[in-house]
Amino acid sequence: MVYLEIEKLFDAFLKEKQFLCGASPATVRIYSKSWSAYKRHAGCVCELTDDRLKSFTLHASQDIKPGSVNAYARGVDSFLTWLHENGHVATRMRVPLTSVEKRVLQTYTPEEAKRIITHKPTSRTGKLMMALLYLLIDTGARVSEALSLTRKAIDFENLLVTLKGKGNKQRRIPISLECRKRLYQWLAGHDHDLVFCTNGGGKLHYDNVRREFLVILRAVKVEKTEGSFHAFRRYFGKQYIRGGGNPIYLQRVFGHSSLQMTPKYVDADEESLQMAHKALSPLKLSERAIEKALEDAVKLEDLHSPRRGVYQKPPEKTVSAFSAQPIGNAENAESTQPFDGVEDIGNLWNKDEISDDGNEDGDFGADEDRYLRALDD
């Protein structure tokens, strides 16, 4: 397969992806950049072999980041798959990927998200940004989907919006009452078809929107995280799963063609791991088991305690509730602390004043006669 023939086949591949498969202009540009990177680093495109494909990965890894190498490799892989499916090559070849360190992508915390959405700008641009951020946080939409949202795509009565995702695939997703309120207020200020647009109704450029977003982050004192707007997509996914949401539904909300992509947005971060560890740590569970065992032992002891409704014979020598004298011979005992009346009778019912010869249910045992005589007096 000579060079010119490969170039013609690649042009045919681009046209088929664009006109038959509905690939977006951004996707077509990615394919073109991937092919240009392959020609630049592979050294020769006069033939497509496994060794030549491997040399691309080796040479490209010396100049660009591993993540970029793999991105270009996937773009070339799409072309190689097309060649095989259309009978231009006998075997399906793949560009080998380089190893990439797996990182946990950070997102905004609930506290940071609250500080962002409670920001109250006064300019038109600031109000536009707040309506946009409400939509991103409430739906997990891509910023490109939000910037292409049209007025007729919002169903205010049924709380639904229709987004156009990758490959021009449409999906309808719900919105909250608060999001509906923000969108309605924003749309009341202009008559253009695009929801988020310039003063003249034109489409906003991503770089300009991102610049305005950074202004808001500085105003609310929130650090910029990876992906800027895409971080809200990860934030939505994590909050959805933490709230008990169904991963299948989340896949539909995100517009993913398969469930394999969705978990990447909700990978466990430090906060999630801490929450899970706090609830499920073996040591924590053991501590709870010990605490419960001690509580059960106390309850069991109280259940078999002789103080529960069964009178116990008092010791021979104790102090009467009426007198400081021993009551071993109560009839001949002379009180050194005379009875003071009703106030002392009330104290008899104070648990702190009950001696061991009584119980908490008011059974005074041998002192019952003395108590009755005190009432008669």
Protein backbone atom coordinates (compact mmCIF):
# COMPACT_ATOMS: atom_id res chain seq x y z
CA MET A 1 0.00 0.00 0.00
CA VAL A 2 1.78 3.12 -1.24
CA TYR A 3 1.75 6.51 0.50
CA LEU A 4 -0.67 8.21 -1.91
CA GLU A 5 -3.12 5.37 -1.62
CA ILE A 6 -3.07 5.58 2.21
CA GLU A 7 -3.69 9.33 2.05
CA LYS A 8 -6.67 8.85 -0.25
CA LEU A 9 -8.08 6.19 2.03
CA PHE A 10 -7.71 8.48 5.04
CA ASP A 11 -9.61 11.26 3.22
CA ALA A 12 -12.36 8.74 2.42
CA PHE A 13 -12.39 7.71 6.09
CA LEU A 14 -12.89 11.33 7.22
CA LYS A 15 -15.73 11.95 4.77
CA GLU A 16 -17.53 8.77 5.76
CA LYS A 17 -17.23 9.62 9.46
CA GLN A 18 -18.52 13.12 8.85
CA PHE A 19 -21.35 12.51 6.38
CA LEU A 20 -22.44 8.95 7.15
CA CYS A 21 -21.65 8.54 10.85
CA GLY A 22 -22.49 12.09 11.90
CA ALA A 23 -19.13 12.83 13.53
CA SER A 24 -18.88 16.38 14.83
CA PRO A 25 -16.32 18.83 13.40
CA ALA A 26 -14.34 18.52 16.63
CA THR A 27 -14.13 14.71 16.21
CA VAL A 28 -13.01 15.08 12.60
CA ARG A 29 -10.27 17.48 13.72
CA ILE A 30 -9.10 14.93 16.29
CA TYR A 31 -8.79 12.27 13.57
CA SER A 32 -6.80 14.67 11.41
CA LYS A 33 -4.46 15.66 14.24
CA SER A 34 -3.93 12.02 15.16
CA TRP A 35 -2.98 11.12 11.61
CA SER A 36 -0.62 14.09 11.37
CA ALA A 37 1.05 13.06 14.64
CA TYR A 38 1.43 9.51 13.33
CA LYS A 39 3.11 10.68 10.13
CA ARG A 40 5.41 12.96 12.13
CA HIS A 41 6.62 10.32 14.60
CA ALA A 42 6.33 7.02 12.70
CA GLY A 43 8.99 8.10 10.20
CA CYS A 44 7.32 6.42 7.22
CA VAL A 45 3.71 5.93 6.15
CA CYS A 46 4.47 3.98 2.99
CA GLU A 47 3.24 0.88 4.78
CA LEU A 48 1.19 -0.04 7.82
CA THR A 49 2.74 -2.85 9.87
CA ASP A 50 2.76 -3.81 13.53
CA ASP A 51 6.42 -2.79 13.82
CA ARG A 52 5.72 0.60 12.25
CA LEU A 53 2.80 1.18 14.59
CA LYS A 54 4.94 0.26 17.57
CA SER A 55 7.67 2.67 16.47
CA PHE A 56 5.13 5.49 16.54
CA THR A 57 4.41 4.87 20.22
CA LEU A 58 8.11 4.64 21.08
CA HIS A 59 9.15 7.82 19.27
CA ALA A 60 6.11 9.88 20.24
CA SER A 61 6.57 9.03 23.94
CA GLN A 62 9.90 10.83 23.91
CA ASP A 63 8.39 14.15 22.81
CA ILE A 64 4.84 14.36 24.14
CA LYS A 65 2.96 13.32 27.25
CA PRO A 66 1.76 9.70 27.57
CA GLY A 67 -1.87 10.80 27.68
CA SER A 68 -1.47 12.65 24.37
CA VAL A 69 0.29 9.67 22.80
CA ASN A 70 -2.62 7.42 23.69
CA ALA A 71 -5.14 9.97 22.43
CA TYR A 72 -3.41 10.07 19.04
CA ALA A 73 -3.14 6.27 19.05
CA ARG A 74 -6.90 5.89 19.53
CA GLY A 75 -7.52 8.29 16.65
CA VAL A 76 -5.29 6.22 14.37
CA ASP A 77 -6.94 3.03 15.64
CA SER A 78 -10.28 4.28 14.34
CA PHE A 79 -8.74 4.60 10.89
CA LEU A 80 -7.16 1.13 11.13
CA THR A 81 -10.50 -0.37 12.14
CA TRP A 82 -12.17 1.31 9.17
CA LEU A 83 -9.50 -0.11 6.83
CA HIS A 84 -10.14 -3.63 8.09
CA GLU A 85 -13.94 -3.37 8.02
CA ASN A 86 -13.87 -2.12 4.43
CA GLY A 87 -11.49 -4.84 3.26
CA HIS A 88 -8.43 -2.68 2.62
CA VAL A 89 -6.23 -4.71 5.01
CA ALA A 90 -6.44 -8.39 5.90
CA THR A 91 -5.96 -8.09 9.66
CA ARG A 92 -7.13 -5.59 12.20
CA MET A 93 -4.10 -3.73 13.54
CA ARG A 94 -3.84 -1.60 16.66
CA VAL A 95 -1.42 1.06 17.82
CA PRO A 96 0.04 -0.08 21.17
CA LEU A 97 -0.71 2.26 24.05
CA THR A 98 1.88 3.54 26.48
CA SER A 99 1.51 3.21 30.24
CA VAL A 100 -0.14 6.16 31.93
CA GLU A 101 -0.19 6.91 35.63
CA LYS A 102 -3.75 6.67 36.85
CA ARG A 103 -4.74 9.82 38.66
CA VAL A 104 -7.84 10.56 40.67
CA LEU A 105 -9.39 13.55 38.93
CA GLN A 106 -10.38 16.17 41.44
CA THR A 107 -13.67 17.99 41.45
CA TYR A 108 -15.43 20.61 43.52
CA THR A 109 -16.61 19.88 47.05
CA PRO A 110 -20.26 20.51 48.06
CA GLU A 111 -19.10 23.54 50.04
CA GLU A 112 -17.28 24.98 47.01
CA ALA A 113 -20.25 24.30 44.74
CA LYS A 114 -22.50 26.13 47.20
CA ARG A 115 -20.20 29.14 47.23
CA ILE A 116 -20.22 29.20 43.43
CA ILE A 117 -23.99 29.01 42.93
CA THR A 118 -24.71 31.56 45.67
CA HIS A 119 -22.58 34.16 43.90
CA LYS A 120 -24.68 37.18 42.88
CA PRO A 121 -23.13 39.08 39.96
CA THR A 122 -24.74 42.21 38.58
CA SER A 123 -23.42 42.30 34.99
CA ARG A 124 -25.10 40.59 32.04
CA THR A 125 -22.10 38.33 31.53
CA GLY A 126 -22.11 37.36 35.18
CA LYS A 127 -25.81 36.48 35.11
CA LEU A 128 -25.28 34.45 31.94
CA MET A 129 -22.51 32.51 33.64
CA MET A 130 -24.63 31.79 36.70
CA ALA A 131 -27.48 30.42 34.57
CA LEU A 132 -24.96 28.27 32.71
CA LEU A 133 -23.39 26.97 35.93
CA TYR A 134 -26.81 26.10 37.36
CA LEU A 135 -27.49 23.97 34.29
CA LEU A 136 -24.09 22.23 34.44
CA ILE A 137 -24.37 21.43 38.14
CA ASP A 138 -27.99 20.33 37.91
CA THR A 139 -27.65 18.06 34.86
CA GLY A 140 -23.99 17.03 34.51
CA ALA A 141 -24.09 18.24 30.90
CA ARG A 142 -20.98 18.92 28.85
CA VAL A 143 -20.26 22.61 28.44
CA SER A 144 -20.37 22.18 24.65
CA GLU A 145 -23.89 20.76 24.97
CA ALA A 146 -24.98 23.67 27.14
CA LEU A 147 -23.54 26.29 24.78
CA SER A 148 -25.49 24.79 21.86
CA LEU A 149 -28.76 24.54 23.82
CA THR A 150 -31.69 26.25 22.08
CA ARG A 151 -34.77 27.87 23.54
CA LYS A 152 -37.17 25.28 22.12
CA ALA A 153 -35.10 22.46 23.67
CA ILE A 154 -36.29 23.45 27.16
CA ASP A 155 -39.61 22.00 28.32
CA PHE A 156 -40.44 24.24 31.26
CA GLU A 157 -43.74 22.54 32.05
CA ASN A 158 -42.31 19.01 32.31
CA LEU A 159 -38.90 20.06 33.69
CA LEU A 160 -36.93 18.54 30.80
CA VAL A 161 -34.14 19.70 28.51
CA THR A 162 -33.04 18.11 25.24
CA LEU A 163 -29.27 18.03 24.82
CA LYS A 164 -27.37 17.23 21.65
CA GLY A 165 -24.31 15.19 22.57
CA LYS A 166 -21.48 13.54 20.68
CA GLY A 167 -22.38 12.24 17.26
CA ASN A 168 -25.41 14.58 17.27
CA LYS A 169 -27.20 12.13 19.55
CA GLN A 170 -30.05 13.72 21.45
CA ARG A 171 -31.16 12.85 24.97
CA ARG A 172 -33.80 14.29 27.28
CA ILE A 173 -32.83 14.75 30.90
CA PRO A 174 -34.69 16.26 33.87
CA ILE A 175 -33.94 19.55 35.58
CA SER A 176 -34.84 20.84 39.03
CA LEU A 177 -37.27 23.61 39.90
CA GLU A 178 -34.40 25.90 40.87
CA CYS A 179 -32.65 25.31 37.55
CA ARG A 180 -35.89 25.98 35.67
CA LYS A 181 -36.27 29.24 37.58
CA ARG A 182 -32.75 30.39 36.65
CA LEU A 183 -33.16 29.47 32.98
CA TYR A 184 -36.56 31.18 32.76
CA GLN A 185 -35.22 34.36 34.31
CA TRP A 186 -32.25 34.39 31.95
CA LEU A 187 -34.34 33.76 28.81
CA ALA A 188 -36.70 36.57 29.79
CA GLY A 189 -33.83 38.96 29.16
CA HIS A 190 -33.33 38.21 25.44
CA ASP A 191 -35.22 36.90 22.39
CA HIS A 192 -32.47 34.89 20.66
CA ASP A 193 -32.74 31.20 19.81
CA LEU A 194 -29.58 30.13 21.61
CA VAL A 195 -30.01 30.06 25.38
CA PHE A 196 -26.44 31.16 26.09
CA CYS A 197 -25.32 33.57 23.41
CA THR A 198 -23.60 36.84 22.66
CA ASN A 199 -25.43 40.16 22.65
CA GLY A 200 -26.18 39.63 18.98
CA GLY A 201 -27.38 36.07 19.42
CA GLY A 202 -24.21 34.35 18.21
CA LYS A 203 -22.61 31.28 19.71
CA LEU A 204 -20.20 31.84 22.58
CA HIS A 205 -16.58 30.74 22.28
CA TYR A 206 -15.34 28.30 24.89
CA ASP A 207 -12.21 30.30 25.74
CA ASN A 208 -14.25 33.41 26.52
CA VAL A 209 -16.68 31.47 28.70
CA ARG A 210 -13.83 29.82 30.55
CA ARG A 211 -12.20 33.20 31.20
CA GLU A 212 -15.41 34.53 32.73
CA PHE A 213 -15.72 31.39 34.85
CA LEU A 214 -12.25 31.93 36.30
CA VAL A 215 -13.35 35.44 37.27
CA ILE A 216 -16.20 33.91 39.30
CA LEU A 217 -13.86 31.41 40.96
CA ARG A 218 -11.57 34.20 42.09
CA ALA A 219 -14.54 36.19 43.38
CA VAL A 220 -15.79 33.31 45.56
CA LYS A 221 -12.23 32.22 46.47
CA VAL A 222 -12.43 28.72 45.04
CA GLU A 223 -9.37 27.11 43.47
CA LYS A 224 -9.63 26.04 39.83
CA THR A 225 -9.74 22.27 39.52
CA GLU A 226 -8.85 20.00 36.62
CA GLY A 227 -11.08 20.37 33.62
CA SER A 228 -12.78 23.59 34.77
CA PHE A 229 -16.32 23.01 33.49
CA HIS A 230 -15.87 19.25 33.15
CA ALA A 231 -15.27 19.09 36.89
CA PHE A 232 -18.96 19.87 37.36
CA ARG A 233 -19.75 16.73 35.36
CA ARG A 234 -17.66 14.67 37.76
CA TYR A 235 -19.24 16.51 40.69
CA PHE A 236 -22.73 15.66 39.45
CA GLY A 237 -21.81 12.00 38.96
CA LYS A 238 -20.30 11.60 42.41
CA GLN A 239 -23.18 13.32 44.17
CA TYR A 240 -25.67 11.26 42.17
CA ILE A 241 -24.06 7.95 43.20
CA ARG A 242 -23.56 9.04 46.81
CA GLY A 243 -27.25 9.90 46.95
CA GLY A 244 -28.17 6.35 45.95
CA GLY A 245 -28.65 6.96 42.21
CA ASN A 246 -28.71 4.10 39.71
CA PRO A 247 -25.54 3.84 37.55
CA ILE A 248 -27.68 2.81 34.55
CA TYR A 249 -29.67 6.03 34.85
CA LEU A 250 -26.46 8.00 35.27
CA GLN A 251 -25.18 6.53 32.01
CA ARG A 252 -28.29 7.79 30.24
CA VAL A 253 -28.00 11.23 31.84
CA PHE A 254 -24.36 11.48 30.79
CA GLY A 255 -25.11 10.25 27.27
CA HIS A 256 -22.50 7.48 27.34
CA SER A 257 -22.86 4.70 24.77
CA SER A 258 -21.65 2.09 27.27
CA LEU A 259 -21.49 1.73 31.04
CA GLN A 260 -17.69 1.35 30.95
CA MET A 261 -17.12 5.09 30.62
CA THR A 262 -19.44 6.17 33.44
CA PRO A 263 -17.40 4.77 36.40
CA LYS A 264 -14.44 6.92 35.34
CA TYR A 265 -16.42 9.98 36.37
CA VAL A 266 -17.18 8.63 39.83
CA ASP A 267 -13.87 7.03 40.82
CA ALA A 268 -13.50 6.98 44.58
CA ASP A 269 -11.59 10.02 45.80
CA GLU A 270 -10.11 10.64 49.22
CA GLU A 271 -13.39 11.94 50.65
CA SER A 272 -15.36 8.92 49.44
CA LEU A 273 -12.75 6.53 50.81
CA GLN A 274 -12.77 8.30 54.16
CA MET A 275 -16.55 8.07 54.39
CA ALA A 276 -16.52 4.36 53.54
CA HIS A 277 -13.62 3.63 55.90
CA LYS A 278 -15.29 5.46 58.76
CA ALA A 279 -18.38 3.31 58.38
CA LEU A 280 -16.76 -0.06 57.56
CA SER A 281 -13.34 -0.10 59.25
CA PRO A 282 -12.77 -3.44 61.06
CA LEU A 283 -11.47 -1.56 64.08
CA LYS A 284 -14.50 0.71 64.08
CA LEU A 285 -16.82 -2.27 63.82
CA SER A 286 -14.95 -3.99 66.67
CA GLU A 287 -15.28 -0.86 68.78
CA ARG A 288 -19.01 -0.77 68.14
CA ALA A 289 -19.29 -4.47 69.00
CA ILE A 290 -17.49 -3.90 72.31
CA GLU A 291 -19.71 -0.92 73.14
CA LYS A 292 -22.83 -2.93 72.38
CA ALA A 293 -21.58 -5.85 74.48
CA LEU A 294 -21.00 -3.54 77.43
CA GLU A 295 -24.47 -2.02 77.01
CA ASP A 296 -26.03 -5.49 76.92
CA ALA A 297 -24.08 -6.50 80.04
CA VAL A 298 -25.36 -3.44 81.94
CA LYS A 299 -28.93 -4.17 80.88
CA LEU A 300 -28.55 -7.81 81.96
CA GLU A 301 -27.15 -6.78 85.33
CA ASP A 302 -30.05 -4.36 85.89
CA LEU A 303 -32.50 -7.08 84.94
CA HIS A 304 -31.19 -9.43 87.67
CA SER A 305 -30.46 -6.75 90.26
CA PRO A 306 -32.14 -7.37 93.70
CA ARG A 307 -33.03 -3.66 93.80
CA ARG A 308 -35.76 -4.13 91.18
CA GLY A 309 -38.93 -4.44 93.33
CA VAL A 310 -37.67 -7.02 95.86
CA TYR A 311 -37.04 -5.82 99.36
CA GLN A 312 -33.71 -6.76 100.88
CA LYS A 313 -33.32 -7.00 104.66
CA PRO A 314 -31.32 -4.00 105.89
CA PRO A 315 -28.09 -4.46 107.77
CA GLU A 316 -28.25 -4.48 111.58
CA LYS A 317 -26.68 -1.10 111.93
CA THR A 318 -27.46 1.67 109.53
CA VAL A 319 -28.56 5.25 109.63
CA SER A 320 -32.26 5.98 109.67
CA ALA A 321 -33.75 8.48 107.28
CA PHE A 322 -35.26 10.17 110.38
CA SER A 323 -32.34 10.04 112.78
CA ALA A 324 -28.61 10.04 112.85
CA GLN A 325 -28.77 7.31 115.55
CA PRO A 326 -28.37 3.58 114.76
CA ILE A 327 -31.72 1.84 114.59
CA GLY A 328 -30.68 -1.56 115.85
CA ASN A 329 -33.08 -0.94 118.77
CA ALA A 330 -35.44 1.59 117.27
CA GLU A 331 -37.87 1.77 120.23
CA ASN A 332 -35.21 2.86 122.76
CA ALA A 333 -33.24 5.09 120.39
CA GLU A 334 -33.32 8.78 121.12
CA SER A 335 -33.25 10.98 118.11
CA THR A 336 -30.37 13.45 118.06
CA GLN A 337 -31.80 15.03 114.89
CA PRO A 338 -35.47 15.80 115.47
CA PHE A 339 -37.98 15.42 112.63
CA ASP A 340 -38.42 18.71 110.78
CA GLY A 341 -41.80 18.05 109.17
CA VAL A 342 -42.99 17.84 105.60
CA GLU A 343 -39.72 19.00 104.06
CA ASP A 344 -37.94 15.95 105.50
CA ILE A 345 -40.75 13.67 104.33
CA GLY A 346 -40.27 14.99 100.78
CA ASN A 347 -36.59 14.22 101.00
CA LEU A 348 -37.44 10.60 101.58
CA TRP A 349 -38.49 10.40 97.95
CA ASN A 350 -35.21 11.79 96.74
CA LYS A 351 -33.25 8.85 95.37
CA ASP A 352 -30.00 10.38 96.51
CA GLU A 353 -31.30 10.27 100.13
CA ILE A 354 -32.53 6.67 100.05
CA SER A 355 -30.26 4.32 101.91
CA ASP A 356 -29.50 0.76 100.88
CA ASP A 357 -32.34 -0.56 103.05
CA GLY A 358 -34.91 0.77 100.58
CA ASN A 359 -35.34 0.72 96.82
CA GLU A 360 -36.10 3.10 94.02
CA ASP A 361 -39.76 2.11 93.91
CA GLY A 362 -40.52 3.74 97.30
CA ASP A 363 -40.51 0.52 99.40
CA PHE A 364 -39.01 1.64 102.72
CA GLY A 365 -39.14 -1.77 104.35
CA ALA A 366 -38.69 -1.49 108.12
CA ASP A 367 -39.06 2.31 108.03
CA GLU A 368 -42.57 2.15 106.63
CA ASP A 369 -44.23 2.49 110.08
CA ARG A 370 -42.06 5.51 110.91
CA TYR A 371 -43.05 7.12 107.61
CA LEU A 372 -46.76 6.58 108.27
CA ARG A 373 -46.49 7.98 111.79
CA ALA A 374 -44.73 11.06 110.40
CA LEU A 375 -47.69 11.68 108.10
CA ASP A 376 -50.10 11.36 110.98
CA ASP A 377 -48.16 13.93 112.98
